[in-house]
C-alpha cells in the first residue's frame, strides 16, 4: 500500500523530471490508463500527454513552488511558472491521484484566458 512518503517521492520525481526536460523519465511514472484534465485540453493517453508536456517544458523559463501537499494516494502542487510566451507568468494548481504507485490522474487548473487570446 502506498504511503504519503512514496506518493511524495513519485510526484517529486515526476515534477523534477519534466522540469529538466526528461519527458521519458516523467512519463515512466504514469499509469497505463493515465488521464490529464486541464483548463483547456484533456489528455487520455501517455503518448498524447508526453508530447504536450514536452512542449510545455520547453517554454518554462522559471518555476517557483508555492505549496506541496501529500497524502496516501494523492498530492496537490501549487506553483508559478514564467513562460517564454506572451502568456508570461501563470499560476498552476495540480492534483495528482496515484494507483499502484503510479500517477493515474493529474487535474491541472490554471487561468486559461491568456492561452485562448494569444
C-alpha atoms as a PDB file:
ATOM      1  CA  UNK A   1       0.000   0.000   0.000  1.00  0.00           C
ATOM      2  CA  UNK A   2       1.422   3.412  -0.961  1.00  0.00           C
ATOM      3  CA  UNK A   3       2.314   5.779   1.816  1.00  0.00           C
ATOM      4  CA  UNK A   4       2.489   9.543   1.961  1.00  0.00           C
ATOM      5  CA  UNK A   5       6.268   9.231   1.614  1.00  0.00           C
ATOM      6  CA  UNK A   6       6.112   7.094  -1.527  1.00  0.00           C
ATOM      7  CA  UNK A   7       3.477   9.418  -3.020  1.00  0.00           C
ATOM      8  CA  UNK A   8       5.785  12.361  -2.335  1.00  0.00           C
ATOM      9  CA  UNK A   9       8.732  10.542  -3.930  1.00  0.00           C
ATOM     10  CA  UNK A  10       6.800   9.649  -7.103  1.00  0.00           C
ATOM     11  CA  UNK A  11       5.264  13.111  -7.563  1.00  0.00           C
ATOM     12  CA  UNK A  12       8.521  14.929  -6.864  1.00  0.00           C
ATOM     13  CA  UNK A  13      10.457  12.642  -9.219  1.00  0.00           C
ATOM     14  CA  UNK A  14       7.860  13.254 -11.937  1.00  0.00           C
ATOM     15  CA  UNK A  15       7.895  17.020 -11.403  1.00  0.00           C
ATOM     16  CA  UNK A  16      11.683  17.328 -11.333  1.00  0.00           C
ATOM     17  CA  UNK A  17      11.990  15.160 -14.455  1.00  0.00           C
ATOM     18  CA  UNK A  18       9.665  17.215 -16.642  1.00  0.00           C
ATOM     19  CA  UNK A  19      11.262  20.453 -15.422  1.00  0.00           C
ATOM     20  CA  UNK A  20      14.633  19.070 -16.564  1.00  0.00           C
ATOM     21  CA  UNK A  21      13.141  18.179 -19.944  1.00  0.00           C
ATOM     22  CA  UNK A  22      13.375  14.465 -19.163  1.00  0.00           C
ATOM     23  CA  UNK A  23       9.932  13.649 -20.501  1.00  0.00           C
ATOM     24  CA  UNK A  24      10.550   9.890 -20.851  1.00  0.00           C
ATOM     25  CA  UNK A  25      11.557   9.730 -17.178  1.00  0.00           C
ATOM     26  CA  UNK A  26       8.468  11.717 -16.162  1.00  0.00           C
ATOM     27  CA  UNK A  27       6.054   9.635 -18.234  1.00  0.00           C
ATOM     28  CA  UNK A  28       7.548   6.370 -16.942  1.00  0.00           C
ATOM     29  CA  UNK A  29       5.883   7.307 -13.633  1.00  0.00           C
ATOM     30  CA  UNK A  30       2.406   7.390 -15.216  1.00  0.00           C
ATOM     31  CA  UNK A  31      -0.111   4.550 -15.019  1.00  0.00           C
ATOM     32  CA  UNK A  32      -1.133   2.859 -18.298  1.00  0.00           C
ATOM     33  CA  UNK A  33      -4.646   4.363 -18.069  1.00  0.00           C
ATOM     34  CA  UNK A  34      -3.312   7.859 -17.253  1.00  0.00           C
ATOM     35  CA  UNK A  35      -5.557  10.894 -17.773  1.00  0.00           C
ATOM     36  CA  UNK A  36      -4.734  14.609 -17.562  1.00  0.00           C
ATOM     37  CA  UNK A  37      -7.618  17.058 -17.322  1.00  0.00           C
ATOM     38  CA  UNK A  38      -6.753  20.738 -17.814  1.00  0.00           C
ATOM     39  CA  UNK A  39      -8.449  24.094 -18.160  1.00  0.00           C
ATOM     40  CA  UNK A  40      -8.196  23.937 -21.971  1.00  0.00           C
ATOM     41  CA  UNK A  41      -7.308  20.339 -23.010  1.00  0.00           C
ATOM     42  CA  UNK A  42      -7.736  16.792 -21.780  1.00  0.00           C
ATOM     43  CA  UNK A  43      -5.216  14.036 -22.493  1.00  0.00           C
ATOM     44  CA  UNK A  44      -6.245  10.390 -22.338  1.00  0.00           C
ATOM     45  CA  UNK A  45      -3.023   8.651 -23.342  1.00  0.00           C
ATOM     46  CA  UNK A  46       0.575   8.827 -22.201  1.00  0.00           C
ATOM     47  CA  UNK A  47       1.821   9.461 -25.754  1.00  0.00           C
ATOM     48  CA  UNK A  48      -0.550  12.397 -26.262  1.00  0.00           C
ATOM     49  CA  UNK A  49       0.332  13.834 -22.861  1.00  0.00           C
ATOM     50  CA  UNK A  50       4.092  13.351 -23.353  1.00  0.00           C
ATOM     51  CA  UNK A  51       4.019  15.495 -26.468  1.00  0.00           C
ATOM     52  CA  UNK A  52       2.135  18.305 -24.713  1.00  0.00           C
ATOM     53  CA  UNK A  53       4.325  18.074 -21.598  1.00  0.00           C
ATOM     54  CA  UNK A  54       7.477  18.307 -23.709  1.00  0.00           C
ATOM     55  CA  UNK A  55       6.175  21.413 -25.460  1.00  0.00           C
ATOM     56  CA  UNK A  56       5.250  22.981 -22.132  1.00  0.00           C
ATOM     57  CA  UNK A  57       8.618  22.151 -20.532  1.00  0.00           C
ATOM     58  CA  UNK A  58      10.420  23.925 -23.385  1.00  0.00           C
ATOM     59  CA  UNK A  59       8.636  27.248 -22.722  1.00  0.00           C
ATOM     60  CA  UNK A  60       9.022  27.285 -18.918  1.00  0.00           C
ATOM     61  CA  UNK A  61      11.856  29.642 -18.003  1.00  0.00           C
ATOM     62  CA  UNK A  62      11.349  29.636 -14.233  1.00  0.00           C
ATOM     63  CA  UNK A  63       9.231  27.738 -11.715  1.00  0.00           C
ATOM     64  CA  UNK A  64       8.554  28.790  -8.143  1.00  0.00           C
ATOM     65  CA  UNK A  65       6.849  26.244  -5.912  1.00  0.00           C
ATOM     66  CA  UNK A  66       4.242  27.766  -3.588  1.00  0.00           C
ATOM     67  CA  UNK A  67       2.809  24.711  -1.849  1.00  0.00           C
ATOM     68  CA  UNK A  68       3.115  20.926  -1.792  1.00  0.00           C
ATOM     69  CA  UNK A  69       0.527  18.790  -0.019  1.00  0.00           C
ATOM     70  CA  UNK A  70       0.830  14.996   0.131  1.00  0.00           C
ATOM     71  CA  UNK A  71      -1.499  12.224   1.232  1.00  0.00           C
ATOM     72  CA  UNK A  72      -1.520   8.454   0.919  1.00  0.00           C
ATOM     73  CA  UNK A  73      -2.523   8.281  -2.768  1.00  0.00           C
ATOM     74  CA  UNK A  74      -2.823  11.931  -3.691  1.00  0.00           C
ATOM     75  CA  UNK A  75      -0.873  15.160  -3.849  1.00  0.00           C
ATOM     76  CA  UNK A  76      -1.528  18.786  -4.706  1.00  0.00           C
ATOM     77  CA  UNK A  77       1.129  21.181  -6.005  1.00  0.00           C
ATOM     78  CA  UNK A  78       0.646  24.904  -6.483  1.00  0.00           C
ATOM     79  CA  UNK A  79       3.323  26.827  -8.327  1.00  0.00           C
ATOM     80  CA  UNK A  80       4.044  29.842 -10.517  1.00  0.00           C
ATOM     81  CA  UNK A  81       5.732  29.442 -13.882  1.00  0.00           C
ATOM     82  CA  UNK A  82       7.300  32.109 -16.042  1.00  0.00           C
ATOM     83  CA  UNK A  83       6.752  31.255 -19.685  1.00  0.00           C
ATOM     84  CA  UNK A  84       8.685  32.329 -22.766  1.00  0.00           C
ATOM     85  CA  UNK A  85       5.394  33.270 -24.430  1.00  0.00           C
ATOM     86  CA  UNK A  86       3.058  36.279 -24.379  1.00  0.00           C
ATOM     87  CA  UNK A  87       1.187  34.500 -21.556  1.00  0.00           C
ATOM     88  CA  UNK A  88       4.110  35.381 -19.246  1.00  0.00           C
ATOM     89  CA  UNK A  89       3.520  34.316 -15.651  1.00  0.00           C
ATOM     90  CA  UNK A  90       0.937  31.676 -14.832  1.00  0.00           C
ATOM     91  CA  UNK A  91      -0.160  30.139 -11.531  1.00  0.00           C
ATOM     92  CA  UNK A  92      -0.880  26.421 -11.722  1.00  0.00           C
ATOM     93  CA  UNK A  93      -2.536  24.003  -9.307  1.00  0.00           C
ATOM     94  CA  UNK A  94      -2.164  20.290  -9.960  1.00  0.00           C
ATOM     95  CA  UNK A  95      -3.927  17.485  -8.150  1.00  0.00           C
ATOM     96  CA  UNK A  96      -2.403  14.012  -8.529  1.00  0.00           C
ATOM     97  CA  UNK A  97      -4.047  10.641  -7.915  1.00  0.00           C
ATOM     98  CA  UNK A  98      -1.871   7.544  -7.681  1.00  0.00           C
ATOM     99  CA  UNK A  99      -2.855   3.942  -8.348  1.00  0.00           C
ATOM    100  CA  UNK A 100      -0.456   1.104  -7.547  1.00  0.00           C
ATOM    101  CA  UNK A 101       2.413   3.575  -7.090  1.00  0.00           C
ATOM    102  CA  UNK A 102       1.933   5.285 -10.481  1.00  0.00           C
ATOM    103  CA  UNK A 103       0.287   8.610 -11.327  1.00  0.00           C
ATOM    104  CA  UNK A 104      -3.133   7.758 -12.762  1.00  0.00           C
ATOM    105  CA  UNK A 105      -4.699  11.233 -12.955  1.00  0.00           C
ATOM    106  CA  UNK A 106      -3.487  14.811 -12.921  1.00  0.00           C
ATOM    107  CA  UNK A 107      -6.036  17.601 -12.794  1.00  0.00           C
ATOM    108  CA  UNK A 108      -4.311  20.811 -13.877  1.00  0.00           C
ATOM    109  CA  UNK A 109      -6.023  24.099 -13.040  1.00  0.00           C
ATOM    110  CA  UNK A 110      -4.842  27.474 -14.330  1.00  0.00           C
ATOM    111  CA  UNK A 111      -6.232  30.700 -15.729  1.00  0.00           C
ATOM    112  CA  UNK A 112      -6.595  29.868 -19.424  1.00  0.00           C
ATOM    113  CA  UNK A 113      -7.515  33.400 -20.542  1.00  0.00           C
ATOM    114  CA  UNK A 114      -4.046  34.205 -21.867  1.00  0.00           C
ATOM    115  CA  UNK A 115      -3.794  30.879 -23.668  1.00  0.00           C
ATOM    116  CA  UNK A 116      -7.049  31.456 -25.529  1.00  0.00           C
ATOM    117  CA  UNK A 117      -6.284  35.023 -26.670  1.00  0.00           C
ATOM    118  CA  UNK A 118      -2.592  34.722 -27.604  1.00  0.00           C
END
